[in-house]
Amino acid sequence: MDWQAVGARIKVARKAKRLTQEKLAAVLDLSTPHISALERGVKPPSLETLILIANELEVSADALLQDVVDRSTLGAVSELSELLSRQEPELQRKILKAVRAMITD
């Protein structure tokens, strides 16, 4: 399993919520070094911890695990949707047009 990829996704989701490792650790009743180790992929999260993190960061476990789960498509779709939602409407239209062109070719 690529726990570094999972950790990187946790870090991105944490930063998107504007949380420090310290704040996330406090909310989850974990230590800051534990959060750091998870984000670096040094140790895998337990199922319970993964669920706590996903719930706190408001992301799906599928999105966090998409690099390690063979059948994870919802995570990619969710990530794309989240990225698009942060863009200006004009850029959203341009991206959608480009994606449509790529799919129809």
C-alpha atoms as a PDB file:
ATOM      1  CA  MET A   1       0.000   0.000   0.000  1.00  0.00           C
ATOM      2  CA  ASP A   2       1.162   3.524  -0.743  1.00  0.00           C
ATOM      3  CA  TRP A   3       0.611   5.139   2.656  1.00  0.00           C
ATOM      4  CA  GLN A   4       2.594   8.184   1.563  1.00  0.00           C
ATOM      5  CA  ALA A   5      -0.099   8.931  -1.020  1.00  0.00           C
ATOM      6  CA  VAL A   6      -2.820   8.524   1.620  1.00  0.00           C
ATOM      7  CA  GLY A   7      -0.898  10.781   3.981  1.00  0.00           C
ATOM      8  CA  ALA A   8      -0.445  13.383   1.269  1.00  0.00           C
ATOM      9  CA  ARG A   9      -4.212  13.408   0.659  1.00  0.00           C
ATOM     10  CA  ILE A  10      -4.853  13.814   4.378  1.00  0.00           C
ATOM     11  CA  LYS A  11      -2.447  16.754   4.435  1.00  0.00           C
ATOM     12  CA  VAL A  12      -4.100  18.408   1.431  1.00  0.00           C
ATOM     13  CA  ALA A  13      -7.558  17.960   2.980  1.00  0.00           C
ATOM     14  CA  ARG A  14      -6.323  19.322   6.328  1.00  0.00           C
ATOM     15  CA  LYS A  15      -4.811  22.387   4.701  1.00  0.00           C
ATOM     16  CA  ALA A  16      -7.977  22.945   2.659  1.00  0.00           C
ATOM     17  CA  LYS A  17      -9.837  23.164   5.977  1.00  0.00           C
ATOM     18  CA  ARG A  18      -7.144  25.575   7.209  1.00  0.00           C
ATOM     19  CA  LEU A  19      -6.232  23.355  10.133  1.00  0.00           C
ATOM     20  CA  THR A  20      -2.774  22.905  11.565  1.00  0.00           C
ATOM     21  CA  GLN A  21      -1.569  19.472  12.555  1.00  0.00           C
ATOM     22  CA  GLU A  22      -1.868  20.608  16.152  1.00  0.00           C
ATOM     23  CA  LYS A  23      -5.518  21.642  15.782  1.00  0.00           C
ATOM     24  CA  LEU A  24      -6.473  18.445  13.948  1.00  0.00           C
ATOM     25  CA  ALA A  25      -4.686  16.356  16.566  1.00  0.00           C
ATOM     26  CA  ALA A  26      -6.499  18.154  19.380  1.00  0.00           C
ATOM     27  CA  VAL A  27      -9.924  17.712  17.796  1.00  0.00           C
ATOM     28  CA  LEU A  28      -9.293  14.007  17.184  1.00  0.00           C
ATOM     29  CA  ASP A  29      -7.659  13.449  20.575  1.00  0.00           C
ATOM     30  CA  LEU A  30      -4.426  12.323  18.918  1.00  0.00           C
ATOM     31  CA  SER A  31      -0.891  13.611  19.255  1.00  0.00           C
ATOM     32  CA  THR A  32       0.641  16.019  16.782  1.00  0.00           C
ATOM     33  CA  PRO A  33       3.519  13.587  16.067  1.00  0.00           C
ATOM     34  CA  HIS A  34       0.892  10.926  15.246  1.00  0.00           C
ATOM     35  CA  ILE A  35      -0.780  13.220  12.677  1.00  0.00           C
ATOM     36  CA  SER A  36       2.638  14.071  11.272  1.00  0.00           C
ATOM     37  CA  ALA A  37       3.532  10.387  10.914  1.00  0.00           C
ATOM     38  CA  LEU A  38       0.230   9.686   9.145  1.00  0.00           C
ATOM     39  CA  GLU A  39       0.727  12.573   6.723  1.00  0.00           C
ATOM     40  CA  ARG A  40       4.267  11.445   5.917  1.00  0.00           C
ATOM     41  CA  GLY A  41       3.108   7.876   5.372  1.00  0.00           C
ATOM     42  CA  VAL A  42       5.424   6.591   8.093  1.00  0.00           C
ATOM     43  CA  LYS A  43       2.574   4.670   9.685  1.00  0.00           C
ATOM     44  CA  PRO A  44      -0.836   3.690   8.335  1.00  0.00           C
ATOM     45  CA  PRO A  45      -3.934   4.967  10.108  1.00  0.00           C
ATOM     46  CA  SER A  46      -6.188   2.503  11.854  1.00  0.00           C
ATOM     47  CA  LEU A  47      -9.652   2.196  10.342  1.00  0.00           C
ATOM     48  CA  GLU A  48     -11.078   4.131  13.286  1.00  0.00           C
ATOM     49  CA  THR A  49      -8.532   6.933  12.856  1.00  0.00           C
ATOM     50  CA  LEU A  50      -9.094   7.085   9.101  1.00  0.00           C
ATOM     51  CA  ILE A  51     -12.841   7.502   9.664  1.00  0.00           C
ATOM     52  CA  LEU A  52     -12.284  10.180  12.315  1.00  0.00           C
ATOM     53  CA  ILE A  53      -9.986  12.088   9.958  1.00  0.00           C
ATOM     54  CA  ALA A  54     -12.347  11.781   6.991  1.00  0.00           C
ATOM     55  CA  ASN A  55     -15.291  12.990   9.062  1.00  0.00           C
ATOM     56  CA  GLU A  56     -13.403  15.901  10.592  1.00  0.00           C
ATOM     57  CA  LEU A  57     -11.958  16.999   7.255  1.00  0.00           C
ATOM     58  CA  GLU A  58     -15.303  16.439   5.510  1.00  0.00           C
ATOM     59  CA  VAL A  59     -13.862  14.174   2.818  1.00  0.00           C
ATOM     60  CA  SER A  60     -14.792  10.640   1.905  1.00  0.00           C
ATOM     61  CA  ALA A  61     -12.575   7.753   2.923  1.00  0.00           C
ATOM     62  CA  ASP A  62     -12.732   6.830  -0.764  1.00  0.00           C
ATOM     63  CA  ALA A  63     -11.093  10.146  -1.644  1.00  0.00           C
ATOM     64  CA  LEU A  64      -8.313   9.551   0.879  1.00  0.00           C
ATOM     65  CA  LEU A  65      -7.749   5.977  -0.296  1.00  0.00           C
ATOM     66  CA  GLN A  66      -8.113   6.487  -4.041  1.00  0.00           C
ATOM     67  CA  ASP A  67      -4.410   5.864  -4.695  1.00  0.00           C
ATOM     68  CA  VAL A  68      -4.505   2.516  -2.907  1.00  0.00           C
ATOM     69  CA  VAL A  69      -7.974   1.180  -3.752  1.00  0.00           C
ATOM     70  CA  ASP A  70      -8.269  -0.291  -7.250  1.00  0.00           C
ATOM     71  CA  ARG A  71     -11.945   0.495  -7.691  1.00  0.00           C
ATOM     72  CA  SER A  72     -12.010   4.018  -6.320  1.00  0.00           C
ATOM     73  CA  THR A  73     -13.728   6.257  -8.834  1.00  0.00           C
ATOM     74  CA  LEU A  74     -15.916   8.246  -6.489  1.00  0.00           C
ATOM     75  CA  GLY A  75     -12.827   9.768  -4.907  1.00  0.00           C
ATOM     76  CA  ALA A  76     -11.514  11.053  -8.226  1.00  0.00           C
ATOM     77  CA  VAL A  77     -14.912  12.454  -9.152  1.00  0.00           C
ATOM     78  CA  SER A  78     -15.248  14.086  -5.739  1.00  0.00           C
ATOM     79  CA  GLU A  79     -11.782  15.579  -5.982  1.00  0.00           C
ATOM     80  CA  LEU A  80     -12.471  16.953  -9.462  1.00  0.00           C
ATOM     81  CA  SER A  81     -15.773  18.407  -8.295  1.00  0.00           C
ATOM     82  CA  GLU A  82     -14.114  20.037  -5.292  1.00  0.00           C
ATOM     83  CA  LEU A  83     -11.353  21.539  -7.430  1.00  0.00           C
ATOM     84  CA  LEU A  84     -13.860  22.888  -9.939  1.00  0.00           C
ATOM     85  CA  SER A  85     -16.089  24.371  -7.253  1.00  0.00           C
ATOM     86  CA  ARG A  86     -13.219  26.621  -6.148  1.00  0.00           C
ATOM     87  CA  GLN A  87     -12.781  28.152  -9.600  1.00  0.00           C
ATOM     88  CA  GLU A  88     -14.463  31.146 -11.195  1.00  0.00           C
ATOM     89  CA  PRO A  89     -17.492  30.270 -13.391  1.00  0.00           C
ATOM     90  CA  GLU A  90     -15.691  31.202 -16.618  1.00  0.00           C
ATOM     91  CA  LEU A  91     -12.794  28.856 -15.826  1.00  0.00           C
ATOM     92  CA  GLN A  92     -15.274  26.125 -14.840  1.00  0.00           C
ATOM     93  CA  ARG A  93     -16.881  26.405 -18.302  1.00  0.00           C
ATOM     94  CA  LYS A  94     -13.485  26.258 -20.028  1.00  0.00           C
ATOM     95  CA  ILE A  95     -12.449  23.177 -18.052  1.00  0.00           C
ATOM     96  CA  LEU A  96     -15.756  21.452 -18.754  1.00  0.00           C
ATOM     97  CA  LYS A  97     -15.391  22.205 -22.466  1.00  0.00           C
ATOM     98  CA  ALA A  98     -11.857  20.750 -22.448  1.00  0.00           C
ATOM     99  CA  VAL A  99     -12.985  17.623 -20.605  1.00  0.00           C
ATOM    100  CA  ARG A 100     -15.856  17.115 -23.056  1.00  0.00           C
ATOM    101  CA  ALA A 101     -13.409  17.431 -25.956  1.00  0.00           C
ATOM    102  CA  MET A 102     -11.079  14.872 -24.402  1.00  0.00           C
ATOM    103  CA  ILE A 103     -13.892  12.381 -23.803  1.00  0.00           C
ATOM    104  CA  THR A 104     -15.465  12.643 -27.259  1.00  0.00           C
ATOM    105  CA  ASP A 105     -12.144  12.194 -29.096  1.00  0.00           C
END
